[in-house]
């Protein structure tokens, strides 16, 4: 469903998906879109498929447009403002689903934004990072991530590949899992369904493991 939430620079437009069949969510997530100045929106196909994978694993998932994108108020910041927008989206999800475990994720610029927020927001318990742009942006904050994380890279991504990520971060923190989708470029082209299933399978597995440790 379409929703609007109050962000630090004004109203943010968003879309919420809840688990199918009226089930209670096993966790909740916010997924961020790619760079606002390069056509990024919450309807980007990679963001859509990432969010769908999480929904199919049993999560409630929120996508939103950063400040200055389409009907979201404000202007592109690029100096941490988008990470604060993510914080507002997490606030909204926390209020709607009190007590639920909060996850964050994103695609490209959105994945970097999720990492930035995770370092200052202890509510974020897991991260899903798709096409982390290690060639295009400083992603060194990844070294400080201390929550279970999935990083999915495309083999032919011009903004950064898994070998480049491993070269920059030869000793990733414990709990960070990396996966490569063979042949995929930055936008995963005809492989978005494979991306969706990759995200779904990881999320379902970690939720099952979490359930096993609490029984």
C-alpha atoms as a PDB file:
ATOM      1  CA  UNK A   1       0.000   0.000   0.000  1.00  0.00           C
ATOM      2  CA  UNK A   2       1.053   3.611  -0.559  1.00  0.00           C
ATOM      3  CA  UNK A   3       2.045   5.526   2.556  1.00  0.00           C
ATOM      4  CA  UNK A   4       3.624   8.861   3.448  1.00  0.00           C
ATOM      5  CA  UNK A   5       5.901   9.397   6.412  1.00  0.00           C
ATOM      6  CA  UNK A   6       7.549  12.411   7.950  1.00  0.00           C
ATOM      7  CA  UNK A   7      11.241  12.689   7.158  1.00  0.00           C
ATOM      8  CA  UNK A   8      13.792  15.214   8.416  1.00  0.00           C
ATOM      9  CA  UNK A   9      13.399  17.323   5.244  1.00  0.00           C
ATOM     10  CA  UNK A  10       9.646  16.841   4.743  1.00  0.00           C
ATOM     11  CA  UNK A  11       7.199  14.162   3.697  1.00  0.00           C
ATOM     12  CA  UNK A  12       8.585  10.990   2.120  1.00  0.00           C
ATOM     13  CA  UNK A  13       6.505   8.844  -0.215  1.00  0.00           C
ATOM     14  CA  UNK A  14       6.717   5.106   0.417  1.00  0.00           C
ATOM     15  CA  UNK A  15       5.181   1.712  -0.372  1.00  0.00           C
ATOM     16  CA  UNK A  16       4.607  -1.025   2.176  1.00  0.00           C
ATOM     17  CA  UNK A  17       4.361  -4.742   1.500  1.00  0.00           C
ATOM     18  CA  UNK A  18       3.253  -7.078   4.264  1.00  0.00           C
ATOM     19  CA  UNK A  19       3.667 -10.873   4.261  1.00  0.00           C
ATOM     20  CA  UNK A  20       1.231 -12.698   2.030  1.00  0.00           C
ATOM     21  CA  UNK A  21      -1.778 -14.440   3.502  1.00  0.00           C
ATOM     22  CA  UNK A  22      -2.171 -12.009   6.390  1.00  0.00           C
ATOM     23  CA  UNK A  23       0.677 -13.575   8.353  1.00  0.00           C
ATOM     24  CA  UNK A  24       2.427 -11.612  11.066  1.00  0.00           C
ATOM     25  CA  UNK A  25       5.853 -10.428   9.866  1.00  0.00           C
ATOM     26  CA  UNK A  26       8.878 -12.412  11.022  1.00  0.00           C
ATOM     27  CA  UNK A  27      10.895  -9.158  10.889  1.00  0.00           C
ATOM     28  CA  UNK A  28      10.588  -5.812   9.102  1.00  0.00           C
ATOM     29  CA  UNK A  29      12.886  -4.147   6.577  1.00  0.00           C
ATOM     30  CA  UNK A  30      13.451  -0.872   4.761  1.00  0.00           C
ATOM     31  CA  UNK A  31      15.056  -1.064   1.304  1.00  0.00           C
ATOM     32  CA  UNK A  32      16.764   2.021  -0.208  1.00  0.00           C
ATOM     33  CA  UNK A  33      16.984   2.955  -3.877  1.00  0.00           C
ATOM     34  CA  UNK A  34      19.983   3.948  -6.042  1.00  0.00           C
ATOM     35  CA  UNK A  35      21.368   7.438  -6.561  1.00  0.00           C
ATOM     36  CA  UNK A  36      18.675  10.150  -6.648  1.00  0.00           C
ATOM     37  CA  UNK A  37      20.567  12.203  -9.240  1.00  0.00           C
ATOM     38  CA  UNK A  38      20.798   9.293 -11.666  1.00  0.00           C
ATOM     39  CA  UNK A  39      17.153   8.290 -11.869  1.00  0.00           C
ATOM     40  CA  UNK A  40      16.994   6.227  -8.699  1.00  0.00           C
ATOM     41  CA  UNK A  41      13.529   5.642  -7.230  1.00  0.00           C
ATOM     42  CA  UNK A  42      11.846   3.076  -5.024  1.00  0.00           C
ATOM     43  CA  UNK A  43      10.329   1.517  -8.186  1.00  0.00           C
ATOM     44  CA  UNK A  44      13.751   0.559  -9.551  1.00  0.00           C
ATOM     45  CA  UNK A  45      13.573  -3.096 -10.637  1.00  0.00           C
ATOM     46  CA  UNK A  46      16.470  -4.200  -8.411  1.00  0.00           C
ATOM     47  CA  UNK A  47      14.951  -2.513  -5.360  1.00  0.00           C
ATOM     48  CA  UNK A  48      11.579  -4.064  -6.254  1.00  0.00           C
ATOM     49  CA  UNK A  49      13.028  -7.595  -6.500  1.00  0.00           C
ATOM     50  CA  UNK A  50      15.124  -7.232  -3.353  1.00  0.00           C
ATOM     51  CA  UNK A  51      12.054  -6.132  -1.432  1.00  0.00           C
ATOM     52  CA  UNK A  52       9.951  -8.925  -2.941  1.00  0.00           C
ATOM     53  CA  UNK A  53      12.502 -11.513  -1.874  1.00  0.00           C
ATOM     54  CA  UNK A  54      12.329 -10.241   1.693  1.00  0.00           C
ATOM     55  CA  UNK A  55       8.526 -10.222   1.609  1.00  0.00           C
ATOM     56  CA  UNK A  56       8.450 -13.820   0.394  1.00  0.00           C
ATOM     57  CA  UNK A  57      10.698 -14.766   3.322  1.00  0.00           C
ATOM     58  CA  UNK A  58       8.017 -13.430   5.682  1.00  0.00           C
ATOM     59  CA  UNK A  59       9.057  -9.816   6.277  1.00  0.00           C
ATOM     60  CA  UNK A  60       7.075  -6.616   6.080  1.00  0.00           C
ATOM     61  CA  UNK A  61       9.045  -4.384   3.688  1.00  0.00           C
ATOM     62  CA  UNK A  62       9.021  -0.639   3.110  1.00  0.00           C
ATOM     63  CA  UNK A  63      10.451   1.073   0.029  1.00  0.00           C
ATOM     64  CA  UNK A  64      10.577   4.861  -0.095  1.00  0.00           C
ATOM     65  CA  UNK A  65      11.771   7.741  -2.263  1.00  0.00           C
ATOM     66  CA  UNK A  66      14.634   9.744  -0.788  1.00  0.00           C
ATOM     67  CA  UNK A  67      14.216  13.492  -0.262  1.00  0.00           C
ATOM     68  CA  UNK A  68      13.774  15.396  -3.535  1.00  0.00           C
ATOM     69  CA  UNK A  69      12.771  12.323  -5.561  1.00  0.00           C
ATOM     70  CA  UNK A  70       9.370  12.620  -7.271  1.00  0.00           C
ATOM     71  CA  UNK A  71       6.799  13.506  -4.596  1.00  0.00           C
ATOM     72  CA  UNK A  72       9.158  13.262  -1.609  1.00  0.00           C
ATOM     73  CA  UNK A  73       9.867  16.705  -0.217  1.00  0.00           C
ATOM     74  CA  UNK A  74      13.280  18.308   0.213  1.00  0.00           C
ATOM     75  CA  UNK A  75      16.382  18.252  -1.987  1.00  0.00           C
ATOM     76  CA  UNK A  76      19.186  15.752  -2.520  1.00  0.00           C
ATOM     77  CA  UNK A  77      21.741  16.076   0.247  1.00  0.00           C
ATOM     78  CA  UNK A  78      24.572  13.634  -0.423  1.00  0.00           C
ATOM     79  CA  UNK A  79      26.171  14.456   2.932  1.00  0.00           C
ATOM     80  CA  UNK A  80      24.258  12.039   5.139  1.00  0.00           C
ATOM     81  CA  UNK A  81      20.758  13.396   4.642  1.00  0.00           C
ATOM     82  CA  UNK A  82      19.609  10.260   2.864  1.00  0.00           C
ATOM     83  CA  UNK A  83      20.820   8.149   5.799  1.00  0.00           C
ATOM     84  CA  UNK A  84      18.637  10.301   8.032  1.00  0.00           C
ATOM     85  CA  UNK A  85      15.717   9.676   5.663  1.00  0.00           C
ATOM     86  CA  UNK A  86      16.328   5.959   6.214  1.00  0.00           C
ATOM     87  CA  UNK A  87      16.258   6.594   9.953  1.00  0.00           C
ATOM     88  CA  UNK A  88      12.818   8.192   9.614  1.00  0.00           C
ATOM     89  CA  UNK A  89      11.597   5.193   7.605  1.00  0.00           C
ATOM     90  CA  UNK A  90      12.868   2.868  10.333  1.00  0.00           C
ATOM     91  CA  UNK A  91      11.075   5.001  12.924  1.00  0.00           C
ATOM     92  CA  UNK A  92       7.835   4.532  10.981  1.00  0.00           C
ATOM     93  CA  UNK A  93       8.289   0.770  10.763  1.00  0.00           C
ATOM     94  CA  UNK A  94       9.195   0.522  14.450  1.00  0.00           C
ATOM     95  CA  UNK A  95       6.004   2.366  15.375  1.00  0.00           C
ATOM     96  CA  UNK A  96       3.849   0.209  13.103  1.00  0.00           C
ATOM     97  CA  UNK A  97       5.437  -3.081  14.209  1.00  0.00           C
ATOM     98  CA  UNK A  98       6.534  -2.625  17.838  1.00  0.00           C
ATOM     99  CA  UNK A  99       9.009  -5.243  18.979  1.00  0.00           C
ATOM    100  CA  UNK A 100       9.816  -6.523  15.486  1.00  0.00           C
ATOM    101  CA  UNK A 101      13.435  -6.949  14.453  1.00  0.00           C
ATOM    102  CA  UNK A 102      14.493  -4.132  12.109  1.00  0.00           C
ATOM    103  CA  UNK A 103      16.518  -4.764   8.944  1.00  0.00           C
ATOM    104  CA  UNK A 104      17.858  -2.326   6.366  1.00  0.00           C
ATOM    105  CA  UNK A 105      19.118  -2.753   2.851  1.00  0.00           C
ATOM    106  CA  UNK A 106      19.466  -1.199  -0.523  1.00  0.00           C
ATOM    107  CA  UNK A 107      20.804  -1.239  -4.048  1.00  0.00           C
ATOM    108  CA  UNK A 108      23.965   0.597  -5.137  1.00  0.00           C
ATOM    109  CA  UNK A 109      23.903   4.078  -3.512  1.00  0.00           C
ATOM    110  CA  UNK A 110      21.080   2.724  -1.359  1.00  0.00           C
ATOM    111  CA  UNK A 111      23.259  -0.105  -0.061  1.00  0.00           C
ATOM    112  CA  UNK A 112      25.983   2.357   0.915  1.00  0.00           C
ATOM    113  CA  UNK A 113      23.354   4.481   2.656  1.00  0.00           C
ATOM    114  CA  UNK A 114      22.157   1.440   4.621  1.00  0.00           C
ATOM    115  CA  UNK A 115      25.717   0.770   5.805  1.00  0.00           C
ATOM    116  CA  UNK A 116      26.106   4.390   6.893  1.00  0.00           C
ATOM    117  CA  UNK A 117      22.897   4.237   8.903  1.00  0.00           C
ATOM    118  CA  UNK A 118      23.723   0.891  10.483  1.00  0.00           C
ATOM    119  CA  UNK A 119      26.872   2.342  12.068  1.00  0.00           C
ATOM    120  CA  UNK A 120      24.856   4.923  14.029  1.00  0.00           C
ATOM    121  CA  UNK A 121      21.549   3.088  14.522  1.00  0.00           C
ATOM    122  CA  UNK A 122      21.743   0.063  16.837  1.00  0.00           C
ATOM    123  CA  UNK A 123      18.145  -0.862  15.999  1.00  0.00           C
ATOM    124  CA  UNK A 124      19.320  -2.310  12.660  1.00  0.00           C
ATOM    125  CA  UNK A 125      19.922  -5.997  13.276  1.00  0.00           C
ATOM    126  CA  UNK A 126      20.658  -7.220   9.720  1.00  0.00           C
ATOM    127  CA  UNK A 127      21.693  -5.730   6.373  1.00  0.00           C
ATOM    128  CA  UNK A 128      20.995  -6.748   2.766  1.00  0.00           C
ATOM    129  CA  UNK A 129      23.380  -4.954   0.399  1.00  0.00           C
ATOM    130  CA  UNK A 130      22.951  -5.364  -3.356  1.00  0.00           C
ATOM    131  CA  UNK A 131      25.662  -4.135  -5.753  1.00  0.00           C
ATOM    132  CA  UNK A 132      27.663  -2.221  -3.170  1.00  0.00           C
ATOM    133  CA  UNK A 133      29.398   0.360  -5.410  1.00  0.00           C
ATOM    134  CA  UNK A 134      32.962  -0.154  -4.195  1.00  0.00           C
ATOM    135  CA  UNK A 135      34.442   1.258  -7.412  1.00  0.00           C
ATOM    136  CA  UNK A 136      32.300   4.397  -7.498  1.00  0.00           C
ATOM    137  CA  UNK A 137      32.072   5.420  -3.820  1.00  0.00           C
ATOM    138  CA  UNK A 138      33.998   5.193  -0.584  1.00  0.00           C
ATOM    139  CA  UNK A 139      32.464   2.128   1.071  1.00  0.00           C
ATOM    140  CA  UNK A 140      35.071   1.803   3.824  1.00  0.00           C
ATOM    141  CA  UNK A 141      32.331   1.915   6.474  1.00  0.00           C
ATOM    142  CA  UNK A 142      31.725  -1.733   5.638  1.00  0.00           C
ATOM    143  CA  UNK A 143      34.752  -2.559   7.817  1.00  0.00           C
ATOM    144  CA  UNK A 144      32.823  -1.420  10.883  1.00  0.00           C
ATOM    145  CA  UNK A 145      29.620  -3.389  10.296  1.00  0.00           C
ATOM    146  CA  UNK A 146      28.884  -5.695  13.217  1.00  0.00           C
ATOM    147  CA  UNK A 147      25.504  -7.171  12.260  1.00  0.00           C
ATOM    148  CA  UNK A 148      24.780 -10.200  10.051  1.00  0.00           C
ATOM    149  CA  UNK A 149      24.933  -8.990   6.457  1.00  0.00           C
ATOM    150  CA  UNK A 150      24.350 -10.304   2.950  1.00  0.00           C
ATOM    151  CA  UNK A 151      26.308  -8.669   0.114  1.00  0.00           C
ATOM    152  CA  UNK A 152      25.195  -9.642  -3.406  1.00  0.00           C
ATOM    153  CA  UNK A 153      27.424  -8.575  -6.303  1.00  0.00           C
ATOM    154  CA  UNK A 154      27.122  -9.017 -10.067  1.00  0.00           C
ATOM    155  CA  UNK A 155      30.041 -10.644 -11.830  1.00  0.00           C
ATOM    156  CA  UNK A 156      30.150  -7.923 -14.517  1.00  0.00           C
ATOM    157  CA  UNK A 157      29.119  -4.902 -12.464  1.00  0.00           C
ATOM    158  CA  UNK A 158      30.924  -1.803 -13.730  1.00  0.00           C
ATOM    159  CA  UNK A 159      30.517  -0.155 -10.314  1.00  0.00           C
ATOM    160  CA  UNK A 160      32.261  -2.930  -8.420  1.00  0.00           C
ATOM    161  CA  UNK A 161      32.625  -6.690  -8.424  1.00  0.00           C
ATOM    162  CA  UNK A 162      33.107  -9.267  -5.698  1.00  0.00           C
ATOM    163  CA  UNK A 163      36.863  -9.603  -6.417  1.00  0.00           C
ATOM    164  CA  UNK A 164      37.188  -5.810  -6.098  1.00  0.00           C
ATOM    165  CA  UNK A 165      35.271  -5.851  -2.839  1.00  0.00           C
ATOM    166  CA  UNK A 166      37.521  -8.606  -1.480  1.00  0.00           C
ATOM    167  CA  UNK A 167      40.614  -6.703  -2.628  1.00  0.00           C
ATOM    168  CA  UNK A 168      39.485  -3.566  -0.778  1.00  0.00           C
ATOM    169  CA  UNK A 169      38.323  -5.532   2.273  1.00  0.00           C
ATOM    170  CA  UNK A 170      40.522  -8.637   2.578  1.00  0.00           C
ATOM    171  CA  UNK A 171      39.336  -9.187   6.147  1.00  0.00           C
ATOM    172  CA  UNK A 172      35.609  -8.585   6.286  1.00  0.00           C
ATOM    173  CA  UNK A 173      33.952  -8.487   9.712  1.00  0.00           C
ATOM    174  CA  UNK A 174      32.435 -11.748  10.977  1.00  0.00           C
ATOM    175  CA  UNK A 175      28.857 -12.269   9.869  1.00  0.00           C
ATOM    176  CA  UNK A 176      29.212 -10.719   6.404  1.00  0.00           C
ATOM    177  CA  UNK A 177      28.285 -13.207   3.681  1.00  0.00           C
ATOM    178  CA  UNK A 178      29.137 -12.453   0.063  1.00  0.00           C
ATOM    179  CA  UNK A 179      27.491 -13.946  -3.017  1.00  0.00           C
ATOM    180  CA  UNK A 180      28.097 -13.371  -6.724  1.00  0.00           C
ATOM    181  CA  UNK A 181      25.517 -13.752  -9.479  1.00  0.00           C
ATOM    182  CA  UNK A 182      27.413 -14.979 -12.555  1.00  0.00           C
ATOM    183  CA  UNK A 183      27.135 -12.825 -15.659  1.00  0.00           C
ATOM    184  CA  UNK A 184      25.121 -10.099 -13.951  1.00  0.00           C
ATOM    185  CA  UNK A 185      25.779  -6.417 -14.543  1.00  0.00           C
ATOM    186  CA  UNK A 186      24.950  -3.557 -12.211  1.00  0.00           C
ATOM    187  CA  UNK A 187      21.201  -3.704 -12.891  1.00  0.00           C
ATOM    188  CA  UNK A 188      21.053  -7.517 -13.031  1.00  0.00           C
ATOM    189  CA  UNK A 189      19.207  -7.195 -16.361  1.00  0.00           C
ATOM    190  CA  UNK A 190      17.450 -10.539 -16.993  1.00  0.00           C
ATOM    191  CA  UNK A 191      18.615 -11.937 -13.638  1.00  0.00           C
ATOM    192  CA  UNK A 192      16.410 -10.009 -11.244  1.00  0.00           C
ATOM    193  CA  UNK A 193      14.395 -13.144 -10.477  1.00  0.00           C
ATOM    194  CA  UNK A 194      17.627 -14.888  -9.496  1.00  0.00           C
ATOM    195  CA  UNK A 195      18.475 -11.931  -7.283  1.00  0.00           C
ATOM    196  CA  UNK A 196      15.030 -12.121  -5.665  1.00  0.00           C
ATOM    197  CA  UNK A 197      15.437 -15.800  -4.889  1.00  0.00           C
ATOM    198  CA  UNK A 198      18.960 -15.252  -3.542  1.00  0.00           C
ATOM    199  CA  UNK A 199      17.658 -12.638  -1.104  1.00  0.00           C
ATOM    200  CA  UNK A 200      14.633 -14.743  -0.150  1.00  0.00           C
ATOM    201  CA  UNK A 201      16.697 -17.848   0.557  1.00  0.00           C
ATOM    202  CA  UNK A 202      19.213 -15.966   2.712  1.00  0.00           C
ATOM    203  CA  UNK A 203      16.512 -14.163   4.690  1.00  0.00           C
ATOM    204  CA  UNK A 204      14.504 -17.356   5.256  1.00  0.00           C
ATOM    205  CA  UNK A 205      17.610 -19.194   6.420  1.00  0.00           C
ATOM    206  CA  UNK A 206      18.733 -16.581   8.918  1.00  0.00           C
ATOM    207  CA  UNK A 207      15.200 -16.240  10.280  1.00  0.00           C
ATOM    208  CA  UNK A 208      14.982 -20.014  10.692  1.00  0.00           C
ATOM    209  CA  UNK A 209      18.345 -20.009  12.470  1.00  0.00           C
ATOM    210  CA  UNK A 210      17.197 -17.203  14.720  1.00  0.00           C
ATOM    211  CA  UNK A 211      14.040 -19.137  15.567  1.00  0.00           C
ATOM    212  CA  UNK A 212      16.025 -22.271  16.356  1.00  0.00           C
ATOM    213  CA  UNK A 213      18.212 -20.410  18.852  1.00  0.00           C
ATOM    214  CA  UNK A 214      15.220 -18.926  20.667  1.00  0.00           C
ATOM    215  CA  UNK A 215      13.289 -22.180  21.104  1.00  0.00           C
END
